[in-house]
Amino acid sequence: MPADEGLRGGVRPSHGDTQVEEGDMPIMTADRGRCQGWANCVAGAPDMFDIDDDGLVVLLQTEIPETDRARIDEVAHRCPVGALRATDS
């Protein structure tokens, strides 16, 4: 995977695997191998997700502020292929 693909402005994922960044806040991960490009995540949280030229999810950030946790959890839950997960660090 090219170095500029995956997470814009942060940690790069390994090929086809999960994107993860460590920190004190809850963390969003995206399994690009499962993503089918439905873009429900972009519709629900355009500040957190985007879709790349290949039609796969891109994390714009990985740390989830507590004030956004419920919204991001709901967006992750609505992914039809279960490619998104919010976890505590």
Protein backbone atom coordinates (compact mmCIF):
# COMPACT_ATOMS: atom_id res chain seq x y z
CA MET A 1 0.00 0.00 0.00
CA PRO A 2 1.42 3.42 -0.86
CA ALA A 3 2.51 5.53 2.10
CA ASP A 4 -0.12 8.19 1.43
CA GLU A 5 -3.07 5.80 1.48
CA GLY A 6 -5.16 4.81 4.50
CA LEU A 7 -5.08 7.51 7.14
CA ARG A 8 -4.65 11.08 5.97
CA GLY A 9 -2.21 12.99 8.10
CA GLY A 10 -1.45 10.22 10.61
CA VAL A 11 -0.64 6.57 11.10
CA ARG A 12 -0.59 4.34 8.04
CA PRO A 13 -2.25 0.90 8.16
CA SER A 14 -0.57 -2.29 7.10
CA HIS A 15 -1.82 -3.69 3.78
CA GLY A 16 -5.52 -4.63 3.94
CA ASP A 17 -5.51 -4.75 7.71
CA THR A 18 -6.77 -2.59 10.50
CA GLN A 19 -5.77 1.04 11.02
CA VAL A 20 -4.80 1.78 14.62
CA GLU A 21 -3.24 4.67 16.47
CA GLU A 22 -2.50 4.60 20.20
CA GLY A 23 -3.46 7.39 22.60
CA ASP A 24 -5.53 8.22 25.67
CA MET A 25 -8.86 8.58 23.84
CA PRO A 26 -10.99 5.81 22.37
CA ILE A 27 -9.63 4.66 19.02
CA MET A 28 -11.38 4.07 15.70
CA THR A 29 -10.13 1.22 13.54
CA ALA A 30 -11.13 0.44 9.97
CA ASP A 31 -10.66 -2.90 8.28
CA ARG A 32 -10.08 -1.90 4.66
CA GLY A 33 -10.10 -5.57 3.68
CA ARG A 34 -13.78 -5.79 4.71
CA CYS A 35 -14.83 -2.35 3.45
CA GLN A 36 -17.10 -2.41 0.41
CA GLY A 37 -17.40 1.34 -0.01
CA TRP A 38 -21.03 1.82 1.05
CA ALA A 39 -19.98 5.19 2.56
CA ASN A 40 -22.52 5.09 5.41
CA CYS A 41 -19.63 6.19 7.61
CA VAL A 42 -19.00 9.28 5.50
CA ALA A 43 -22.68 10.20 5.60
CA GLY A 44 -22.77 9.82 9.40
CA ALA A 45 -19.41 11.36 10.28
CA PRO A 46 -17.72 13.20 7.40
CA ASP A 47 -15.29 14.70 9.92
CA MET A 48 -14.00 11.20 10.74
CA PHE A 49 -14.27 9.22 7.48
CA ASP A 50 -13.73 9.57 3.76
CA ILE A 51 -13.67 7.23 0.78
CA ASP A 52 -10.52 6.97 -1.33
CA ASP A 53 -10.20 6.61 -5.10
CA ASP A 54 -10.47 2.82 -4.75
CA GLY A 55 -13.81 3.19 -2.96
CA LEU A 56 -12.48 2.19 0.48
CA VAL A 57 -12.80 3.87 3.85
CA VAL A 58 -10.14 6.32 4.95
CA LEU A 59 -9.84 7.46 8.56
CA LEU A 60 -9.36 11.20 8.80
CA GLN A 61 -8.53 10.77 12.49
CA THR A 62 -8.31 7.78 14.81
CA GLU A 63 -8.76 9.26 18.28
CA ILE A 64 -12.39 9.79 19.23
CA PRO A 65 -13.13 12.67 21.60
CA GLU A 66 -15.47 11.54 24.39
CA THR A 67 -17.96 14.18 23.26
CA ASP A 68 -18.25 12.37 19.90
CA ARG A 69 -18.09 8.77 21.19
CA ALA A 70 -21.83 7.99 21.02
CA ARG A 71 -22.14 9.40 17.49
CA ILE A 72 -19.07 7.54 16.22
CA ASP A 73 -20.16 4.29 17.91
CA GLU A 74 -23.50 4.57 16.10
CA VAL A 75 -21.79 5.20 12.76
CA ALA A 76 -19.52 2.18 13.30
CA HIS A 77 -22.53 0.04 14.23
CA ARG A 78 -24.28 1.02 10.98
CA CYS A 79 -21.45 -0.22 8.74
CA PRO A 80 -23.16 -3.00 6.75
CA VAL A 81 -20.00 -5.13 6.61
CA GLY A 82 -18.68 -4.44 10.13
CA ALA A 83 -15.48 -2.80 8.91
CA LEU A 84 -15.42 -0.17 11.68
CA ARG A 85 -14.73 -0.52 15.36
CA ALA A 86 -14.35 1.98 18.20
CA THR A 87 -12.30 0.66 21.11
CA ASP A 88 -10.90 2.06 24.31
CA SER A 89 -7.17 2.57 24.15
